[in-house]
Amino acid sequence: MGQSNWIYMWGALIPLIVSNVLHMVLVKKNLWSALAKPINARAYGNNKTWRGVVFVSLVNAMIFCIIHWPSLNAFRGWEVVAINFFIGWIYGLAYVLFELPNSWLKRRMGIPAGGSPERFKGLFMLLDKTDSALGVSLVFCVLHPFSWGDTALFFITASGLHILFSWILYLRKIKKAF
């Protein structure tokens, strides 16, 4: 991966880290409670809410814009801001949406929201830590002409960061479970 691709990769991952950590704090403090309504409790459980969809997408878009802020002296500065906002929003949305199939599968298996299965425990733990990383990796690959190797590196890095920050949030008692 070339230096510019590394820079772009971190420019995509840092907003995701910040927006998701802030989301966990938001959930812990029960802020934005009006949006804490399940997307579809029967399909995904009570933990997948509109608050997550709106907050993660919106905050990720804003942070992505800040990190990729163009010189507004340029003629097309505000157009670039709008494009960056959209790209950041898509990354945040992909992060949230790619968690839904795993939740759906767990509900079909009778596993309660926030619970872990006895059967295939390791597989579901791996899915919990890589589902959203897969979503943002696919967006990364689609939005930019990066190789599959760069995309795989993005996926591995995103998954590793998800594991690291989940562990930190669990240790800080912001998250209930690792």
Protein backbone atom coordinates (compact mmCIF):
# COMPACT_ATOMS: atom_id res chain seq x y z
CA MET A 1 0.00 0.00 0.00
CA GLY A 2 1.40 3.36 -1.02
CA GLN A 3 1.75 6.26 1.39
CA SER A 4 -1.29 8.11 0.00
CA ASN A 5 -3.42 4.98 0.43
CA TRP A 6 -2.22 4.63 4.04
CA ILE A 7 -3.16 8.23 4.68
CA TYR A 8 -6.59 7.73 3.12
CA MET A 9 -7.12 4.50 5.08
CA TRP A 10 -6.44 6.24 8.39
CA GLY A 11 -8.50 9.22 7.24
CA ALA A 12 -11.43 6.82 6.86
CA LEU A 13 -10.81 4.82 10.05
CA ILE A 14 -10.23 7.65 12.53
CA PRO A 15 -13.73 9.14 12.06
CA LEU A 16 -15.24 5.66 12.49
CA ILE A 17 -13.34 5.12 15.73
CA VAL A 18 -14.35 8.50 17.14
CA SER A 19 -18.00 8.30 16.04
CA ASN A 20 -18.42 4.80 17.45
CA VAL A 21 -16.74 5.60 20.78
CA LEU A 22 -18.97 8.67 21.06
CA HIS A 23 -21.97 6.52 20.20
CA MET A 24 -21.16 4.12 23.04
CA VAL A 25 -20.92 7.08 25.45
CA LEU A 26 -24.24 8.37 24.07
CA VAL A 27 -25.85 4.96 24.71
CA LYS A 28 -24.33 4.70 28.20
CA LYS A 29 -25.70 8.14 29.16
CA ASN A 30 -28.98 7.50 27.30
CA LEU A 31 -28.69 10.71 25.29
CA TRP A 32 -30.74 11.20 22.12
CA SER A 33 -33.24 8.88 23.80
CA ALA A 34 -36.03 9.89 21.41
CA LEU A 35 -34.14 7.97 18.70
CA ALA A 36 -33.44 4.95 20.94
CA LYS A 37 -36.21 3.05 19.20
CA PRO A 38 -35.44 -0.36 17.71
CA ILE A 39 -35.17 -0.45 13.92
CA ASN A 40 -37.10 -3.73 14.04
CA ALA A 41 -37.04 -5.47 17.42
CA ARG A 42 -38.27 -8.79 16.05
CA ALA A 43 -35.66 -8.92 13.28
CA TYR A 44 -32.63 -7.35 14.99
CA GLY A 45 -33.42 -7.05 18.69
CA ASN A 46 -33.79 -3.96 20.85
CA ASN A 47 -30.13 -2.91 20.68
CA LYS A 48 -30.13 -1.92 17.00
CA THR A 49 -31.80 1.47 17.14
CA TRP A 50 -32.41 4.50 14.98
CA ARG A 51 -30.16 6.43 17.37
CA GLY A 52 -27.20 4.37 16.17
CA VAL A 53 -28.07 4.78 12.51
CA VAL A 54 -28.55 8.55 12.74
CA PHE A 55 -25.75 9.33 15.21
CA VAL A 56 -22.97 7.19 13.75
CA SER A 57 -23.72 8.25 10.17
CA LEU A 58 -24.05 11.96 10.97
CA VAL A 59 -21.10 12.24 13.37
CA ASN A 60 -18.89 10.14 11.12
CA ALA A 61 -19.74 12.45 8.20
CA MET A 62 -18.85 15.55 10.23
CA ILE A 63 -15.55 14.11 11.48
CA PHE A 64 -14.67 12.86 7.99
CA CYS A 65 -15.26 16.40 6.71
CA ILE A 66 -13.04 17.91 9.38
CA ILE A 67 -10.21 15.47 8.67
CA HIS A 68 -10.51 15.98 4.91
CA TRP A 69 -11.18 19.72 5.07
CA PRO A 70 -10.17 21.38 1.79
CA SER A 71 -8.81 24.85 1.44
CA LEU A 72 -11.93 26.96 1.14
CA ASN A 73 -9.96 29.49 -0.87
CA ALA A 74 -10.24 27.07 -3.74
CA PHE A 75 -13.10 27.75 -6.14
CA ARG A 76 -14.76 24.40 -5.50
CA GLY A 77 -14.10 24.18 -1.74
CA TRP A 78 -17.71 23.79 -0.62
CA GLU A 79 -18.40 21.18 -3.28
CA VAL A 80 -15.52 19.13 -1.86
CA VAL A 81 -16.96 19.53 1.65
CA ALA A 82 -20.34 18.24 0.43
CA ILE A 83 -18.70 15.25 -1.27
CA ASN A 84 -16.61 14.49 1.84
CA PHE A 85 -19.71 14.76 4.03
CA PHE A 86 -21.48 12.26 1.79
CA ILE A 87 -18.51 9.86 1.79
CA GLY A 88 -18.24 10.06 5.59
CA TRP A 89 -21.98 9.49 5.91
CA ILE A 90 -21.75 6.42 3.64
CA TYR A 91 -18.89 4.99 5.76
CA GLY A 92 -20.91 5.51 8.95
CA LEU A 93 -24.04 4.04 7.42
CA ALA A 94 -22.13 1.00 6.11
CA TYR A 95 -20.69 0.46 9.58
CA VAL A 96 -24.17 0.36 11.13
CA LEU A 97 -25.97 -1.55 8.37
CA PHE A 98 -23.42 -4.35 8.18
CA GLU A 99 -24.10 -5.17 11.83
CA LEU A 100 -27.73 -6.01 11.03
CA PRO A 101 -27.32 -9.41 9.27
CA ASN A 102 -25.41 -10.81 12.26
CA SER A 103 -28.14 -9.57 14.62
CA TRP A 104 -30.82 -11.00 12.36
CA LEU A 105 -29.09 -14.40 12.33
CA LYS A 106 -28.81 -14.41 16.13
CA ARG A 107 -32.51 -13.57 16.54
CA ARG A 108 -33.40 -16.43 14.16
CA MET A 109 -31.31 -18.75 16.37
CA GLY A 110 -33.21 -17.57 19.46
CA ILE A 111 -30.24 -15.65 20.92
CA PRO A 112 -31.45 -12.55 22.80
CA ALA A 113 -30.12 -9.08 21.94
CA GLY A 114 -26.79 -8.56 23.66
CA GLY A 115 -26.49 -12.29 24.32
CA SER A 116 -23.99 -14.80 23.05
CA PRO A 117 -24.71 -18.26 21.78
CA GLU A 118 -23.42 -21.41 23.41
CA ARG A 119 -23.10 -23.02 20.01
CA PHE A 120 -20.66 -21.46 17.54
CA LYS A 121 -19.58 -18.94 20.23
CA GLY A 122 -16.20 -18.27 18.59
CA LEU A 123 -17.75 -17.77 15.17
CA PHE A 124 -20.27 -15.25 16.48
CA MET A 125 -17.58 -13.42 18.45
CA LEU A 126 -15.58 -13.13 15.22
CA LEU A 127 -18.67 -11.94 13.33
CA ASP A 128 -19.42 -9.36 16.04
CA LYS A 129 -15.97 -7.84 15.59
CA THR A 130 -15.73 -8.03 11.80
CA ASP A 131 -19.22 -7.41 10.39
CA SER A 132 -18.99 -3.63 10.36
CA ALA A 133 -15.33 -3.79 9.27
CA LEU A 134 -16.46 -5.77 6.22
CA GLY A 135 -19.03 -3.11 5.36
CA VAL A 136 -16.62 -0.19 5.54
CA SER A 137 -13.96 -2.22 3.69
CA LEU A 138 -16.34 -2.81 0.80
CA VAL A 139 -17.20 0.89 0.70
CA PHE A 140 -13.46 1.66 0.78
CA CYS A 141 -12.94 -0.65 -2.21
CA VAL A 142 -15.90 0.72 -4.18
CA LEU A 143 -15.18 4.43 -3.60
CA HIS A 144 -11.48 4.25 -4.40
CA PRO A 145 -9.45 2.37 -6.98
CA PHE A 146 -7.53 0.34 -4.40
CA SER A 147 -6.42 -3.21 -4.91
CA TRP A 148 -8.06 -6.15 -3.18
CA GLY A 149 -4.86 -6.43 -1.14
CA ASP A 150 -5.29 -2.84 0.10
CA THR A 151 -8.93 -3.61 0.85
CA ALA A 152 -7.91 -6.74 2.78
CA LEU A 153 -5.40 -4.67 4.77
CA PHE A 154 -8.13 -2.12 5.48
CA PHE A 155 -10.42 -4.95 6.68
CA ILE A 156 -7.76 -6.44 8.95
CA THR A 157 -6.86 -3.03 10.38
CA ALA A 158 -10.53 -2.06 10.89
CA SER A 159 -11.26 -5.41 12.57
CA GLY A 160 -8.23 -5.10 14.84
CA LEU A 161 -9.21 -1.58 15.84
CA HIS A 162 -12.78 -2.71 16.51
CA ILE A 163 -11.47 -5.44 18.82
CA LEU A 164 -9.08 -3.03 20.58
CA PHE A 165 -11.65 -0.31 21.17
CA SER A 166 -14.38 -2.78 22.18
CA TRP A 167 -12.00 -4.13 24.81
CA ILE A 168 -11.10 -0.63 26.05
CA LEU A 169 -14.79 0.40 26.24
CA TYR A 170 -15.58 -2.83 28.09
CA LEU A 171 -12.75 -2.26 30.59
CA ARG A 172 -13.93 1.34 31.13
CA LYS A 173 -17.45 -0.03 31.75
CA ILE A 174 -18.87 1.97 28.86
CA LYS A 175 -19.78 -1.25 27.05
CA LYS A 176 -21.58 -4.04 28.90
CA ALA A 177 -19.92 -6.91 27.03
CA PHE A 178 -16.79 -7.43 25.00
